[in-house]
Amino acid sequence: MNVFQNIKHELQKQGYLTILLVVNIAMFLGINLSLNLSGRDTILGYIALPLDPASLLTRFWTPLTYMFMHLSFGHLLSNMLLLFFTGRLFTSLLPEKKLLYVYLMSGLSASLFMIVFAFIFPQTFMTTSLLGSSAAIMGIISCIAIYSPSLEVNIFGIFQIRYVYVAALLILSYTLLDISINTGGKLSHLAGVIFGLVYGYSLRHGKDFSGFSFSRPRKSNLKVVHKRALTDDEYNSMAADNQKTLDDLLDKVYKSGYESLSKSEKETLFKLSQKK
């Protein structure tokens, strides 16, 4: 299955990755159509994130809308290709719902970071606006890298390399490399990276704050049964069995794709991945 067939298959699935791709593309087409018809760019000010407090108060929705906005086709194409491939990789390891969470929260973290930065350095950033999905995508990339540091990916069908090295190269080029150009954008990318690292690290250690709630947890009616502690041999045997199961599932995903797994296999993959 070639790249274009993969993209077509992904769009037909109508999952969260498809939704993100479609919304970004639809926003690009809508904005450019509006610009061509009206000849004015006033609509941009209502979608891009303004970094001055006065404008932000009257356009409070822009910390969300800016991450779906692209002006040039080149910017859109590069970001959507990156989102497509990293999104598929993410959903081969974790439930697709978490992809949407990481995308949105990385983008929101970047907007908050830049608002604070503009407040501290008003002369530098107060007159600028933020737009693009790069910060949100950087969050996805860094989340995968820290969640599964031993993960290997196939590059152009030629050789395999650990994903963490690919992620490091992408993060470097999108944040620190020549930061004097598009300084605000690259700082926002860094904020997205930080959120992805924090969330991926927490998932790797069995903690998921995406389901955080202020409501008090319900008391369980289940009876607590105390089990005896496992011996070292029992623990090592169980760990070896779990690792073999995980390796078999990842091998199946690599050969046939995440959708080839049954519902129970997907649940097992998620549980075992969190124990890594």
C-alpha atoms as a PDB file:
ATOM      1  CA  MET A   1       0.000   0.000   0.000  1.00  0.00           C
ATOM      2  CA  ASN A   2       1.602   3.282  -1.116  1.00  0.00           C
ATOM      3  CA  VAL A   3       1.454   6.665   0.608  1.00  0.00           C
ATOM      4  CA  PHE A   4      -1.618   7.918  -1.262  1.00  0.00           C
ATOM      5  CA  GLN A   5      -3.519   4.696  -0.604  1.00  0.00           C
ATOM      6  CA  ASN A   6      -2.640   4.997   3.092  1.00  0.00           C
ATOM      7  CA  ILE A   7      -3.967   8.561   3.171  1.00  0.00           C
ATOM      8  CA  LYS A   8      -7.163   7.530   1.355  1.00  0.00           C
ATOM      9  CA  HIS A   9      -7.669   4.635   3.786  1.00  0.00           C
ATOM     10  CA  GLU A  10      -7.135   6.936   6.788  1.00  0.00           C
ATOM     11  CA  LEU A  11      -9.656   9.492   5.522  1.00  0.00           C
ATOM     12  CA  GLN A  12     -12.247   6.747   5.041  1.00  0.00           C
ATOM     13  CA  LYS A  13     -11.902   5.620   8.663  1.00  0.00           C
ATOM     14  CA  GLN A  14     -13.475   8.859   9.974  1.00  0.00           C
ATOM     15  CA  GLY A  15     -11.532   8.711  13.230  1.00  0.00           C
ATOM     16  CA  TYR A  16     -10.012  11.554  15.244  1.00  0.00           C
ATOM     17  CA  LEU A  17      -6.956  11.742  12.991  1.00  0.00           C
ATOM     18  CA  THR A  18      -9.236  12.121   9.971  1.00  0.00           C
ATOM     19  CA  ILE A  19     -11.211  14.839  11.765  1.00  0.00           C
ATOM     20  CA  LEU A  20      -8.038  16.810  12.521  1.00  0.00           C
ATOM     21  CA  LEU A  21      -6.857  16.545   8.914  1.00  0.00           C
ATOM     22  CA  VAL A  22     -10.234  17.530   7.462  1.00  0.00           C
ATOM     23  CA  VAL A  23     -10.711  20.512   9.802  1.00  0.00           C
ATOM     24  CA  ASN A  24      -7.241  21.872   9.000  1.00  0.00           C
ATOM     25  CA  ILE A  25      -7.764  21.494   5.244  1.00  0.00           C
ATOM     26  CA  ALA A  26     -11.303  22.927   5.380  1.00  0.00           C
ATOM     27  CA  MET A  27     -10.093  25.962   7.360  1.00  0.00           C
ATOM     28  CA  PHE A  28      -7.323  26.574   4.808  1.00  0.00           C
ATOM     29  CA  LEU A  29      -9.739  26.378   1.877  1.00  0.00           C
ATOM     30  CA  GLY A  30     -12.345  28.549   3.612  1.00  0.00           C
ATOM     31  CA  ILE A  31      -9.872  31.254   4.601  1.00  0.00           C
ATOM     32  CA  ASN A  32      -8.241  31.432   1.179  1.00  0.00           C
ATOM     33  CA  LEU A  33     -11.605  31.448  -0.590  1.00  0.00           C
ATOM     34  CA  SER A  34     -12.733  34.306   1.632  1.00  0.00           C
ATOM     35  CA  LEU A  35      -9.524  36.249   0.963  1.00  0.00           C
ATOM     36  CA  ASN A  36      -9.878  35.821  -2.789  1.00  0.00           C
ATOM     37  CA  LEU A  37     -13.529  36.849  -2.808  1.00  0.00           C
ATOM     38  CA  SER A  38     -13.298  39.829  -0.457  1.00  0.00           C
ATOM     39  CA  GLY A  39      -9.742  40.915  -1.135  1.00  0.00           C
ATOM     40  CA  ARG A  40      -9.324  41.669   2.578  1.00  0.00           C
ATOM     41  CA  ASP A  41      -7.646  39.741   5.359  1.00  0.00           C
ATOM     42  CA  THR A  42      -9.949  40.850   8.196  1.00  0.00           C
ATOM     43  CA  ILE A  43     -11.080  37.259   8.770  1.00  0.00           C
ATOM     44  CA  LEU A  44      -7.556  36.288   9.790  1.00  0.00           C
ATOM     45  CA  GLY A  45      -7.757  38.459  12.891  1.00  0.00           C
ATOM     46  CA  TYR A  46     -10.718  36.448  14.130  1.00  0.00           C
ATOM     47  CA  ILE A  47      -8.986  33.074  13.766  1.00  0.00           C
ATOM     48  CA  ALA A  48      -5.289  33.720  14.470  1.00  0.00           C
ATOM     49  CA  LEU A  49      -4.240  34.165  18.112  1.00  0.00           C
ATOM     50  CA  PRO A  50      -3.476  37.842  18.923  1.00  0.00           C
ATOM     51  CA  LEU A  51      -0.852  38.306  21.621  1.00  0.00           C
ATOM     52  CA  ASP A  52      -2.032  41.684  22.920  1.00  0.00           C
ATOM     53  CA  PRO A  53      -4.472  41.494  25.887  1.00  0.00           C
ATOM     54  CA  ALA A  54      -7.075  43.884  24.454  1.00  0.00           C
ATOM     55  CA  SER A  55      -7.593  41.885  21.272  1.00  0.00           C
ATOM     56  CA  LEU A  56      -7.410  38.574  23.128  1.00  0.00           C
ATOM     57  CA  LEU A  57     -10.255  39.551  25.470  1.00  0.00           C
ATOM     58  CA  THR A  58     -12.595  40.171  22.545  1.00  0.00           C
ATOM     59  CA  ARG A  59     -11.383  37.111  20.617  1.00  0.00           C
ATOM     60  CA  PHE A  60     -11.233  34.600  23.453  1.00  0.00           C
ATOM     61  CA  TRP A  61     -11.834  31.658  21.093  1.00  0.00           C
ATOM     62  CA  THR A  62      -8.570  32.156  19.173  1.00  0.00           C
ATOM     63  CA  PRO A  63      -6.369  30.015  21.516  1.00  0.00           C
ATOM     64  CA  LEU A  64      -8.335  27.121  20.004  1.00  0.00           C
ATOM     65  CA  THR A  65      -8.886  28.233  16.400  1.00  0.00           C
ATOM     66  CA  TYR A  66      -5.301  29.318  15.660  1.00  0.00           C
ATOM     67  CA  MET A  67      -4.033  25.707  15.703  1.00  0.00           C
ATOM     68  CA  PHE A  68      -6.209  24.848  12.687  1.00  0.00           C
ATOM     69  CA  MET A  69      -5.139  27.816  10.554  1.00  0.00           C
ATOM     70  CA  HIS A  70      -2.569  27.913   7.715  1.00  0.00           C
ATOM     71  CA  LEU A  71      -2.053  30.655   5.155  1.00  0.00           C
ATOM     72  CA  SER A  72       0.253  29.081   2.571  1.00  0.00           C
ATOM     73  CA  PHE A  73      -0.229  25.741   0.840  1.00  0.00           C
ATOM     74  CA  GLY A  74       3.363  24.755   1.625  1.00  0.00           C
ATOM     75  CA  HIS A  75       2.775  25.324   5.348  1.00  0.00           C
ATOM     76  CA  LEU A  76      -0.428  23.278   5.238  1.00  0.00           C
ATOM     77  CA  LEU A  77       1.076  20.435   3.196  1.00  0.00           C
ATOM     78  CA  SER A  78       4.160  19.978   5.389  1.00  0.00           C
ATOM     79  CA  ASN A  79       2.132  20.069   8.604  1.00  0.00           C
ATOM     80  CA  MET A  80      -0.590  17.715   7.350  1.00  0.00           C
ATOM     81  CA  LEU A  81       1.919  15.143   6.105  1.00  0.00           C
ATOM     82  CA  LEU A  82       3.689  15.298   9.452  1.00  0.00           C
ATOM     83  CA  LEU A  83       0.369  15.025  11.304  1.00  0.00           C
ATOM     84  CA  PHE A  84      -0.703  12.072   9.153  1.00  0.00           C
ATOM     85  CA  PHE A  85       2.408   9.957   9.691  1.00  0.00           C
ATOM     86  CA  THR A  86       2.934  10.818  13.369  1.00  0.00           C
ATOM     87  CA  GLY A  87      -0.791  10.453  14.035  1.00  0.00           C
ATOM     88  CA  ARG A  88      -0.839   6.934  12.583  1.00  0.00           C
ATOM     89  CA  LEU A  89       2.193   6.026  14.648  1.00  0.00           C
ATOM     90  CA  PHE A  90       0.579   7.473  17.786  1.00  0.00           C
ATOM     91  CA  THR A  91      -2.623   5.481  17.278  1.00  0.00           C
ATOM     92  CA  SER A  92      -0.631   2.275  16.811  1.00  0.00           C
ATOM     93  CA  LEU A  93       0.487   2.682  20.428  1.00  0.00           C
ATOM     94  CA  LEU A  94      -2.363   4.495  22.164  1.00  0.00           C
ATOM     95  CA  PRO A  95      -6.142   4.952  21.758  1.00  0.00           C
ATOM     96  CA  GLU A  96      -7.040   7.470  19.052  1.00  0.00           C
ATOM     97  CA  LYS A  97      -8.983   9.606  21.530  1.00  0.00           C
ATOM     98  CA  LYS A  98      -5.692  10.487  23.211  1.00  0.00           C
ATOM     99  CA  LEU A  99      -4.385  11.791  19.886  1.00  0.00           C
ATOM    100  CA  LEU A 100      -7.076  14.463  19.898  1.00  0.00           C
ATOM    101  CA  TYR A 101      -6.289  15.278  23.532  1.00  0.00           C
ATOM    102  CA  VAL A 102      -2.553  15.696  22.912  1.00  0.00           C
ATOM    103  CA  TYR A 103      -3.164  17.798  19.790  1.00  0.00           C
ATOM    104  CA  LEU A 104      -5.535  20.204  21.540  1.00  0.00           C
ATOM    105  CA  MET A 105      -3.639  20.445  24.829  1.00  0.00           C
ATOM    106  CA  SER A 106      -0.263  20.934  23.130  1.00  0.00           C
ATOM    107  CA  GLY A 107      -1.784  23.738  21.049  1.00  0.00           C
ATOM    108  CA  LEU A 108      -3.447  25.330  24.081  1.00  0.00           C
ATOM    109  CA  SER A 109      -0.228  25.053  26.109  1.00  0.00           C
ATOM    110  CA  ALA A 110       1.618  26.836  23.312  1.00  0.00           C
ATOM    111  CA  SER A 111      -0.964  29.638  23.221  1.00  0.00           C
ATOM    112  CA  LEU A 112      -0.786  30.135  26.993  1.00  0.00           C
ATOM    113  CA  PHE A 113       3.008  30.110  26.877  1.00  0.00           C
ATOM    114  CA  MET A 114       3.106  32.790  24.180  1.00  0.00           C
ATOM    115  CA  ILE A 115       0.506  34.971  25.919  1.00  0.00           C
ATOM    116  CA  VAL A 116       2.671  34.979  29.037  1.00  0.00           C
ATOM    117  CA  PHE A 117       5.787  35.637  26.949  1.00  0.00           C
ATOM    118  CA  ALA A 118       4.088  38.572  25.226  1.00  0.00           C
ATOM    119  CA  PHE A 119       3.157  39.993  28.621  1.00  0.00           C
ATOM    120  CA  ILE A 120       6.780  39.764  29.787  1.00  0.00           C
ATOM    121  CA  PHE A 121       8.251  41.054  26.500  1.00  0.00           C
ATOM    122  CA  PRO A 122       5.507  43.294  25.054  1.00  0.00           C
ATOM    123  CA  GLN A 123       7.739  45.185  22.639  1.00  0.00           C
ATOM    124  CA  THR A 124       8.788  41.941  20.958  1.00  0.00           C
ATOM    125  CA  PHE A 125       5.553  39.960  20.734  1.00  0.00           C
ATOM    126  CA  MET A 126       2.570  42.209  21.504  1.00  0.00           C
ATOM    127  CA  THR A 127       1.979  43.167  17.867  1.00  0.00           C
ATOM    128  CA  THR A 128       2.271  39.620  16.500  1.00  0.00           C
ATOM    129  CA  SER A 129      -0.236  36.809  16.048  1.00  0.00           C
ATOM    130  CA  LEU A 130       0.117  33.049  16.295  1.00  0.00           C
ATOM    131  CA  LEU A 131      -1.198  30.553  13.737  1.00  0.00           C
ATOM    132  CA  GLY A 132      -0.561  27.000  12.541  1.00  0.00           C
ATOM    133  CA  SER A 133      -0.736  23.451  13.865  1.00  0.00           C
ATOM    134  CA  SER A 134       3.014  22.951  14.323  1.00  0.00           C
ATOM    135  CA  ALA A 135       2.996  23.296  18.125  1.00  0.00           C
ATOM    136  CA  ALA A 136       0.178  20.747  18.419  1.00  0.00           C
ATOM    137  CA  ILE A 137       2.018  18.313  16.141  1.00  0.00           C
ATOM    138  CA  MET A 138       5.265  18.787  18.080  1.00  0.00           C
ATOM    139  CA  GLY A 139       3.369  17.676  21.179  1.00  0.00           C
ATOM    140  CA  ILE A 140       2.345  14.452  19.435  1.00  0.00           C
ATOM    141  CA  ILE A 141       5.903  13.802  18.263  1.00  0.00           C
ATOM    142  CA  SER A 142       7.486  14.335  21.684  1.00  0.00           C
ATOM    143  CA  CYS A 143       4.758  12.277  23.398  1.00  0.00           C
ATOM    144  CA  ILE A 144       5.538   9.245  21.217  1.00  0.00           C
ATOM    145  CA  ALA A 145       9.274   9.672  21.729  1.00  0.00           C
ATOM    146  CA  ILE A 146       9.170   9.585  25.516  1.00  0.00           C
ATOM    147  CA  TYR A 147       6.299   7.097  25.797  1.00  0.00           C
ATOM    148  CA  SER A 148       8.051   4.469  23.665  1.00  0.00           C
ATOM    149  CA  PRO A 149      11.768   5.373  23.463  1.00  0.00           C
ATOM    150  CA  SER A 150      12.736   1.964  22.035  1.00  0.00           C
ATOM    151  CA  LEU A 151      10.240   2.174  19.160  1.00  0.00           C
ATOM    152  CA  GLU A 152      11.759   1.719  15.707  1.00  0.00           C
ATOM    153  CA  VAL A 153      10.362   3.100  12.448  1.00  0.00           C
ATOM    154  CA  ASN A 154      10.990   2.217   8.828  1.00  0.00           C
ATOM    155  CA  ILE A 155      12.406   5.113   6.793  1.00  0.00           C
ATOM    156  CA  PHE A 156      11.351   5.042   3.131  1.00  0.00           C
ATOM    157  CA  GLY A 157      11.282   1.235   3.307  1.00  0.00           C
ATOM    158  CA  ILE A 158      15.100   1.242   3.279  1.00  0.00           C
ATOM    159  CA  PHE A 159      16.306   1.097   6.884  1.00  0.00           C
ATOM    160  CA  GLN A 160      15.026   1.133  10.440  1.00  0.00           C
ATOM    161  CA  ILE A 161      15.909   3.720  13.063  1.00  0.00           C
ATOM    162  CA  ARG A 162      14.764   4.421  16.585  1.00  0.00           C
ATOM    163  CA  TYR A 163      11.940   6.940  16.504  1.00  0.00           C
ATOM    164  CA  VAL A 164      13.465   8.967  19.321  1.00  0.00           C
ATOM    165  CA  TYR A 165      16.262  10.061  16.947  1.00  0.00           C
ATOM    166  CA  VAL A 166      13.770  11.114  14.277  1.00  0.00           C
ATOM    167  CA  ALA A 167      11.783  13.029  16.902  1.00  0.00           C
ATOM    168  CA  ALA A 168      14.923  14.765  18.185  1.00  0.00           C
ATOM    169  CA  LEU A 169      15.802  15.928  14.664  1.00  0.00           C
ATOM    170  CA  LEU A 170      12.270  17.219  14.012  1.00  0.00           C
ATOM    171  CA  ILE A 171      12.055  18.997  17.367  1.00  0.00           C
ATOM    172  CA  LEU A 172      15.461  20.605  16.854  1.00  0.00           C
ATOM    173  CA  SER A 173      14.528  21.894  13.401  1.00  0.00           C
ATOM    174  CA  TYR A 174      11.145  23.217  14.577  1.00  0.00           C
ATOM    175  CA  THR A 175      12.379  24.909  17.769  1.00  0.00           C
ATOM    176  CA  LEU A 176      16.029  25.774  18.303  1.00  0.00           C
ATOM    177  CA  LEU A 177      17.433  25.781  14.764  1.00  0.00           C
ATOM    178  CA  ASP A 178      17.804  29.405  13.612  1.00  0.00           C
ATOM    179  CA  ILE A 179      15.452  30.659  16.312  1.00  0.00           C
ATOM    180  CA  SER A 180      15.985  34.267  15.221  1.00  0.00           C
ATOM    181  CA  ILE A 181      13.584  33.561  12.330  1.00  0.00           C
ATOM    182  CA  ASN A 182       9.953  33.203  13.446  1.00  0.00           C
ATOM    183  CA  THR A 183      10.998  33.403  17.097  1.00  0.00           C
ATOM    184  CA  GLY A 184       7.454  33.443  18.452  1.00  0.00           C
ATOM    185  CA  GLY A 185       6.425  30.433  16.394  1.00  0.00           C
ATOM    186  CA  LYS A 186       9.440  28.396  17.457  1.00  0.00           C
ATOM    187  CA  LEU A 187       8.921  29.255  21.117  1.00  0.00           C
ATOM    188  CA  SER A 188       5.332  28.065  20.814  1.00  0.00           C
ATOM    189  CA  HIS A 189       6.597  24.819  19.243  1.00  0.00           C
ATOM    190  CA  LEU A 190       8.807  24.349  22.288  1.00  0.00           C
ATOM    191  CA  ALA A 191       5.785  24.690  24.572  1.00  0.00           C
ATOM    192  CA  GLY A 192       3.999  22.006  22.578  1.00  0.00           C
ATOM    193  CA  VAL A 193       7.037  19.752  22.924  1.00  0.00           C
ATOM    194  CA  ILE A 194       7.078  20.234  26.696  1.00  0.00           C
ATOM    195  CA  PHE A 195       3.426  19.259  27.080  1.00  0.00           C
ATOM    196  CA  GLY A 196       3.949  16.164  24.932  1.00  0.00           C
ATOM    197  CA  LEU A 197       6.947  15.123  27.021  1.00  0.00           C
ATOM    198  CA  VAL A 198       5.082  15.586  30.296  1.00  0.00           C
ATOM    199  CA  TYR A 199       2.002  13.696  29.134  1.00  0.00           C
ATOM    200  CA  GLY A 200       3.965  10.894  27.444  1.00  0.00           C
ATOM    201  CA  TYR A 201       6.113  10.466  30.562  1.00  0.00           C
ATOM    202  CA  SER A 202       3.032  10.224  32.773  1.00  0.00           C
ATOM    203  CA  LEU A 203       1.436   7.628  30.473  1.00  0.00           C
ATOM    204  CA  ARG A 204       4.623   5.589  30.461  1.00  0.00           C
ATOM    205  CA  HIS A 205       4.423   5.423  34.247  1.00  0.00           C
ATOM    206  CA  GLY A 206       0.770   4.437  34.289  1.00  0.00           C
ATOM    207  CA  LYS A 207      -0.750   7.858  35.005  1.00  0.00           C
ATOM    208  CA  ASP A 208      -3.232   9.503  32.643  1.00  0.00           C
ATOM    209  CA  PHE A 209      -4.348  13.008  33.631  1.00  0.00           C
ATOM    210  CA  SER A 210      -6.501  13.404  30.504  1.00  0.00           C
ATOM    211  CA  GLY A 211      -9.390  12.028  32.536  1.00  0.00           C
ATOM    212  CA  PHE A 212      -8.807  14.381  35.472  1.00  0.00           C
ATOM    213  CA  SER A 213     -11.998  15.425  37.228  1.00  0.00           C
ATOM    214  CA  PHE A 214     -12.777  17.795  40.096  1.00  0.00           C
ATOM    215  CA  SER A 215     -15.641  15.578  41.223  1.00  0.00           C
ATOM    216  CA  ARG A 216     -15.118  13.300  44.201  1.00  0.00           C
ATOM    217  CA  PRO A 217     -14.497   9.662  43.251  1.00  0.00           C
ATOM    218  CA  ARG A 218     -17.320   7.287  44.009  1.00  0.00           C
ATOM    219  CA  LYS A 219     -16.840   4.761  46.734  1.00  0.00           C
ATOM    220  CA  SER A 220     -16.512   1.266  45.408  1.00  0.00           C
ATOM    221  CA  ASN A 221     -18.828  -1.462  46.666  1.00  0.00           C
ATOM    222  CA  LEU A 222     -16.332  -4.109  45.706  1.00  0.00           C
ATOM    223  CA  LYS A 223     -14.808  -6.176  48.442  1.00  0.00           C
ATOM    224  CA  VAL A 224     -11.053  -5.810  48.750  1.00  0.00           C
ATOM    225  CA  VAL A 225      -9.184  -9.089  48.534  1.00  0.00           C
ATOM    226  CA  HIS A 226      -5.540  -9.146  49.592  1.00  0.00           C
ATOM    227  CA  LYS A 227      -3.319 -11.344  47.455  1.00  0.00           C
ATOM    228  CA  ARG A 228       0.000 -12.760  48.511  1.00  0.00           C
ATOM    229  CA  ALA A 229       3.095 -11.135  47.026  1.00  0.00           C
ATOM    230  CA  LEU A 230       4.664 -12.845  44.022  1.00  0.00           C
ATOM    231  CA  THR A 231       8.019 -14.548  44.383  1.00  0.00           C
ATOM    232  CA  ASP A 232      10.910 -13.310  42.260  1.00  0.00           C
ATOM    233  CA  ASP A 233      10.607 -16.307  39.926  1.00  0.00           C
ATOM    234  CA  GLU A 234       6.853 -15.803  39.512  1.00  0.00           C
ATOM    235  CA  TYR A 235       7.308 -12.088  38.842  1.00  0.00           C
ATOM    236  CA  ASN A 236      10.094 -12.654  36.306  1.00  0.00           C
ATOM    237  CA  SER A 237       8.053 -15.328  34.524  1.00  0.00           C
ATOM    238  CA  MET A 238       5.007 -13.049  34.332  1.00  0.00           C
ATOM    239  CA  ALA A 239       7.135 -10.142  33.085  1.00  0.00           C
ATOM    240  CA  ALA A 240       8.671 -12.332  30.377  1.00  0.00           C
ATOM    241  CA  ASP A 241       5.225 -13.521  29.239  1.00  0.00           C
ATOM    242  CA  ASN A 242       3.941  -9.934  29.119  1.00  0.00           C
ATOM    243  CA  GLN A 243       6.965  -8.797  27.117  1.00  0.00           C
ATOM    244  CA  LYS A 244       6.497 -11.631  24.613  1.00  0.00           C
ATOM    245  CA  THR A 245       2.815 -10.741  24.215  1.00  0.00           C
ATOM    246  CA  LEU A 246       3.713  -7.069  23.724  1.00  0.00           C
ATOM    247  CA  ASP A 247       6.394  -7.902  21.156  1.00  0.00           C
ATOM    248  CA  ASP A 248       3.966 -10.130  19.230  1.00  0.00           C
ATOM    249  CA  LEU A 249       1.305  -7.401  19.161  1.00  0.00           C
ATOM    250  CA  LEU A 250       3.759  -4.693  18.054  1.00  0.00           C
ATOM    251  CA  ASP A 251       5.054  -7.015  15.346  1.00  0.00           C
ATOM    252  CA  LYS A 252       1.480  -7.536  14.126  1.00  0.00           C
ATOM    253  CA  VAL A 253       0.898  -3.747  14.103  1.00  0.00           C
ATOM    254  CA  TYR A 254       4.131  -3.210  12.178  1.00  0.00           C
ATOM    255  CA  LYS A 255       3.215  -5.827   9.544  1.00  0.00           C
ATOM    256  CA  SER A 256      -0.546  -5.331   9.191  1.00  0.00           C
ATOM    257  CA  GLY A 257      -1.413  -2.032  10.885  1.00  0.00           C
ATOM    258  CA  TYR A 258      -3.181  -1.145  14.109  1.00  0.00           C
ATOM    259  CA  GLU A 259      -6.646  -1.899  12.695  1.00  0.00           C
ATOM    260  CA  SER A 260      -5.667  -5.550  12.200  1.00  0.00           C
ATOM    261  CA  LEU A 261      -5.831  -5.997  15.989  1.00  0.00           C
ATOM    262  CA  SER A 262      -9.010  -7.202  17.627  1.00  0.00           C
ATOM    263  CA  LYS A 263     -10.663  -5.125  20.346  1.00  0.00           C
ATOM    264  CA  SER A 264      -9.176  -7.306  23.088  1.00  0.00           C
ATOM    265  CA  GLU A 265      -5.723  -7.139  21.469  1.00  0.00           C
ATOM    266  CA  LYS A 266      -5.918  -3.329  21.371  1.00  0.00           C
ATOM    267  CA  GLU A 267      -6.832  -3.263  25.080  1.00  0.00           C
ATOM    268  CA  THR A 268      -3.985  -5.652  25.890  1.00  0.00           C
ATOM    269  CA  LEU A 269      -1.517  -3.563  23.865  1.00  0.00           C
ATOM    270  CA  PHE A 270      -2.533  -0.400  25.714  1.00  0.00           C
ATOM    271  CA  LYS A 271      -2.296  -2.023  29.161  1.00  0.00           C
ATOM    272  CA  LEU A 272       1.065  -3.624  28.512  1.00  0.00           C
ATOM    273  CA  SER A 273       2.469  -0.436  26.937  1.00  0.00           C
ATOM    274  CA  GLN A 274       1.584   1.525  30.090  1.00  0.00           C
ATOM    275  CA  LYS A 275       3.556  -0.934  32.209  1.00  0.00           C
ATOM    276  CA  LYS A 276       6.762  -0.371  30.233  1.00  0.00           C
END
